[in-house]
């Protein structure tokens, strides 16, 4: 059959997702997605904070990265 192309790919993917979430309460599903996105965003913020602090330490700045 090969790799789905164009609209066929999205149609097949949507059908699979509908089967997986069928009967699942949508608010819980969306909450789980938001919660996971928040965790990822928090990890990025933490990495940025660590990088800022590393730069401040390296260049002898008195600037302290935000917590």
N, C-alpha and C. Protein backbone atom coordinates (compact mmCIF):
# COMPACT_ATOMS: atom_id res chain seq x y z
N UNK A 1 0.83 -1.19 0.00
CA UNK A 1 0.00 0.00 0.00
C UNK A 1 0.87 1.26 0.00
N UNK A 2 2.01 1.24 0.69
CA UNK A 2 2.92 2.38 0.67
C UNK A 2 2.59 3.41 1.73
N UNK A 3 3.30 4.50 1.67
CA UNK A 3 3.11 5.59 2.63
C UNK A 3 1.95 6.46 2.18
N UNK A 4 1.01 6.77 3.09
CA UNK A 4 -0.11 7.63 2.71
C UNK A 4 0.39 9.01 2.31
N UNK A 5 -0.26 9.61 1.33
CA UNK A 5 0.15 10.92 0.83
C UNK A 5 -0.97 11.94 1.06
N UNK A 6 -0.59 13.19 1.26
CA UNK A 6 -1.53 14.30 1.32
C UNK A 6 -2.68 14.10 2.27
N UNK A 7 -3.90 14.33 1.76
CA UNK A 7 -5.11 14.24 2.57
C UNK A 7 -5.33 12.85 3.13
N UNK A 8 -4.89 11.83 2.40
CA UNK A 8 -5.06 10.45 2.86
C UNK A 8 -4.36 10.25 4.19
N UNK A 9 -3.18 10.85 4.37
CA UNK A 9 -2.43 10.71 5.61
C UNK A 9 -3.23 11.27 6.78
N UNK A 10 -3.77 12.49 6.62
CA UNK A 10 -4.50 13.12 7.71
C UNK A 10 -5.81 12.39 8.00
N UNK A 11 -6.47 11.90 6.97
CA UNK A 11 -7.71 11.15 7.17
C UNK A 11 -7.43 9.88 7.96
N UNK A 12 -6.40 9.15 7.59
CA UNK A 12 -6.07 7.92 8.31
C UNK A 12 -5.68 8.22 9.75
N UNK A 13 -4.90 9.27 9.97
CA UNK A 13 -4.46 9.63 11.31
C UNK A 13 -5.66 10.02 12.17
N UNK A 14 -6.57 10.81 11.61
CA UNK A 14 -7.76 11.23 12.36
C UNK A 14 -8.61 10.04 12.74
N UNK A 15 -8.76 9.09 11.83
CA UNK A 15 -9.54 7.90 12.10
C UNK A 15 -8.92 7.11 13.24
N UNK A 16 -7.61 6.96 13.23
CA UNK A 16 -6.93 6.22 14.29
C UNK A 16 -7.10 6.93 15.62
N UNK A 17 -6.94 8.26 15.63
CA UNK A 17 -7.08 9.02 16.87
C UNK A 17 -8.51 8.92 17.40
N UNK A 18 -9.51 8.95 16.51
CA UNK A 18 -10.90 8.84 16.94
C UNK A 18 -11.14 7.50 17.62
N UNK A 19 -10.58 6.44 17.09
CA UNK A 19 -10.75 5.12 17.69
C UNK A 19 -10.10 5.05 19.06
N UNK A 20 -8.92 5.68 19.19
CA UNK A 20 -8.20 5.63 20.47
C UNK A 20 -8.90 6.43 21.55
N UNK A 21 -9.53 7.54 21.19
CA UNK A 21 -10.15 8.41 22.19
C UNK A 21 -11.65 8.21 22.29
N UNK A 22 -12.19 7.29 21.53
CA UNK A 22 -13.62 7.06 21.55
C UNK A 22 -14.07 6.69 22.95
N UNK A 23 -15.04 7.43 23.46
CA UNK A 23 -15.56 7.16 24.79
C UNK A 23 -14.77 7.84 25.90
N UNK A 24 -13.61 8.41 25.58
CA UNK A 24 -12.81 9.11 26.60
C UNK A 24 -13.40 10.50 26.81
N UNK A 25 -13.49 10.93 28.04
CA UNK A 25 -14.02 12.27 28.29
C UNK A 25 -13.04 13.32 27.76
N UNK A 26 -13.50 14.20 26.89
CA UNK A 26 -12.61 15.17 26.28
C UNK A 26 -11.97 16.13 27.28
N UNK A 27 -12.72 16.64 28.27
CA UNK A 27 -12.06 17.56 29.20
C UNK A 27 -10.83 16.95 29.87
N UNK A 28 -10.89 15.69 30.23
CA UNK A 28 -9.74 15.02 30.84
C UNK A 28 -8.60 14.88 29.86
N UNK A 29 -8.93 14.59 28.63
CA UNK A 29 -7.91 14.45 27.59
C UNK A 29 -7.19 15.78 27.39
N UNK A 30 -7.97 16.87 27.26
CA UNK A 30 -7.37 18.18 27.06
C UNK A 30 -6.58 18.62 28.29
N UNK A 31 -7.07 18.31 29.47
CA UNK A 31 -6.34 18.65 30.69
C UNK A 31 -5.00 17.94 30.72
N UNK A 32 -4.99 16.68 30.32
CA UNK A 32 -3.75 15.91 30.30
C UNK A 32 -2.76 16.51 29.31
N UNK A 33 -3.26 16.94 28.17
CA UNK A 33 -2.39 17.55 27.16
C UNK A 33 -1.82 18.86 27.69
N UNK A 34 -2.68 19.69 28.31
CA UNK A 34 -2.21 20.96 28.87
C UNK A 34 -1.19 20.73 29.97
N UNK A 35 -1.45 19.74 30.81
CA UNK A 35 -0.54 19.43 31.92
C UNK A 35 0.83 19.02 31.37
N UNK A 36 0.84 18.18 30.35
CA UNK A 36 2.10 17.73 29.75
C UNK A 36 2.82 18.90 29.09
N UNK A 37 2.08 19.76 28.40
CA UNK A 37 2.69 20.94 27.77
C UNK A 37 3.29 21.85 28.84
N UNK A 38 2.62 21.99 29.97
CA UNK A 38 3.14 22.80 31.06
C UNK A 38 4.42 22.24 31.63
N UNK A 39 4.50 20.92 31.73
CA UNK A 39 5.72 20.29 32.23
C UNK A 39 6.89 20.58 31.29
N UNK A 40 6.64 20.46 29.99
CA UNK A 40 7.69 20.70 29.00
C UNK A 40 8.12 22.16 29.04
N UNK A 41 7.14 23.08 29.13
CA UNK A 41 7.47 24.50 29.20
C UNK A 41 8.29 24.80 30.46
N UNK A 42 7.93 24.18 31.57
CA UNK A 42 8.68 24.35 32.81
C UNK A 42 10.10 23.86 32.69
N UNK A 43 10.30 22.76 31.98
CA UNK A 43 11.65 22.24 31.77
C UNK A 43 12.49 23.22 30.95
N UNK A 44 11.89 23.83 29.91
CA UNK A 44 12.61 24.81 29.11
C UNK A 44 12.97 26.03 29.94
N UNK A 45 12.02 26.51 30.76
CA UNK A 45 12.30 27.66 31.62
C UNK A 45 13.44 27.35 32.58
N UNK A 46 13.44 26.16 33.13
CA UNK A 46 14.50 25.76 34.06
C UNK A 46 15.85 25.75 33.35
N UNK A 47 15.90 25.20 32.14
CA UNK A 47 17.15 25.17 31.38
C UNK A 47 17.64 26.59 31.07
N UNK A 48 16.71 27.48 30.70
CA UNK A 48 17.09 28.87 30.43
C UNK A 48 17.65 29.53 31.68
N UNK A 49 17.03 29.28 32.83
CA UNK A 49 17.49 29.85 34.09
C UNK A 49 18.89 29.37 34.41
N UNK A 50 19.13 28.09 34.23
CA UNK A 50 20.45 27.51 34.50
C UNK A 50 21.49 28.13 33.56
N UNK A 51 21.15 28.29 32.28
CA UNK A 51 22.07 28.88 31.31
C UNK A 51 22.39 30.33 31.68
N UNK A 52 21.36 31.10 32.07
CA UNK A 52 21.59 32.49 32.48
C UNK A 52 22.52 32.55 33.68
N UNK A 53 22.29 31.67 34.65
CA UNK A 53 23.13 31.67 35.85
C UNK A 53 24.56 31.27 35.50
N UNK A 54 24.71 30.32 34.60
CA UNK A 54 26.05 29.89 34.17
C UNK A 54 26.80 31.05 33.51
N UNK A 55 26.10 31.79 32.63
CA UNK A 55 26.72 32.95 31.98
C UNK A 55 27.11 34.00 33.01
N UNK A 56 26.22 34.25 33.98
CA UNK A 56 26.50 35.24 35.02
C UNK A 56 27.73 34.82 35.82
N UNK A 57 27.81 33.56 36.17
CA UNK A 57 28.96 33.05 36.92
C UNK A 57 30.24 33.14 36.09
N UNK A 58 30.14 32.81 34.81
CA UNK A 58 31.30 32.79 33.93
C UNK A 58 31.90 34.18 33.75
N UNK A 59 31.04 35.17 33.59
CA UNK A 59 31.52 36.52 33.33
C UNK A 59 31.59 37.38 34.59
N UNK A 60 31.39 36.79 35.75
CA UNK A 60 31.53 37.49 37.02
C UNK A 60 30.45 38.52 37.28
N UNK A 61 29.34 38.37 36.63
CA UNK A 61 28.24 39.31 36.84
C UNK A 61 27.57 39.03 38.18
N UNK A 62 27.01 40.07 38.75
CA UNK A 62 26.28 39.88 40.01
C UNK A 62 24.82 39.57 39.74
N UNK A 63 24.45 39.53 38.47
CA UNK A 63 23.07 39.23 38.10
C UNK A 63 22.73 37.80 38.51
N UNK A 64 21.59 37.65 39.16
CA UNK A 64 21.13 36.33 39.56
C UNK A 64 19.92 36.00 38.69
N UNK A 65 19.93 34.84 38.10
CA UNK A 65 18.83 34.42 37.23
C UNK A 65 17.54 34.31 38.02
N UNK A 66 16.45 34.61 37.34
CA UNK A 66 15.12 34.52 37.97
C UNK A 66 14.80 33.08 38.32
N UNK A 67 14.11 32.90 39.42
CA UNK A 67 13.73 31.55 39.86
C UNK A 67 12.45 31.12 39.22
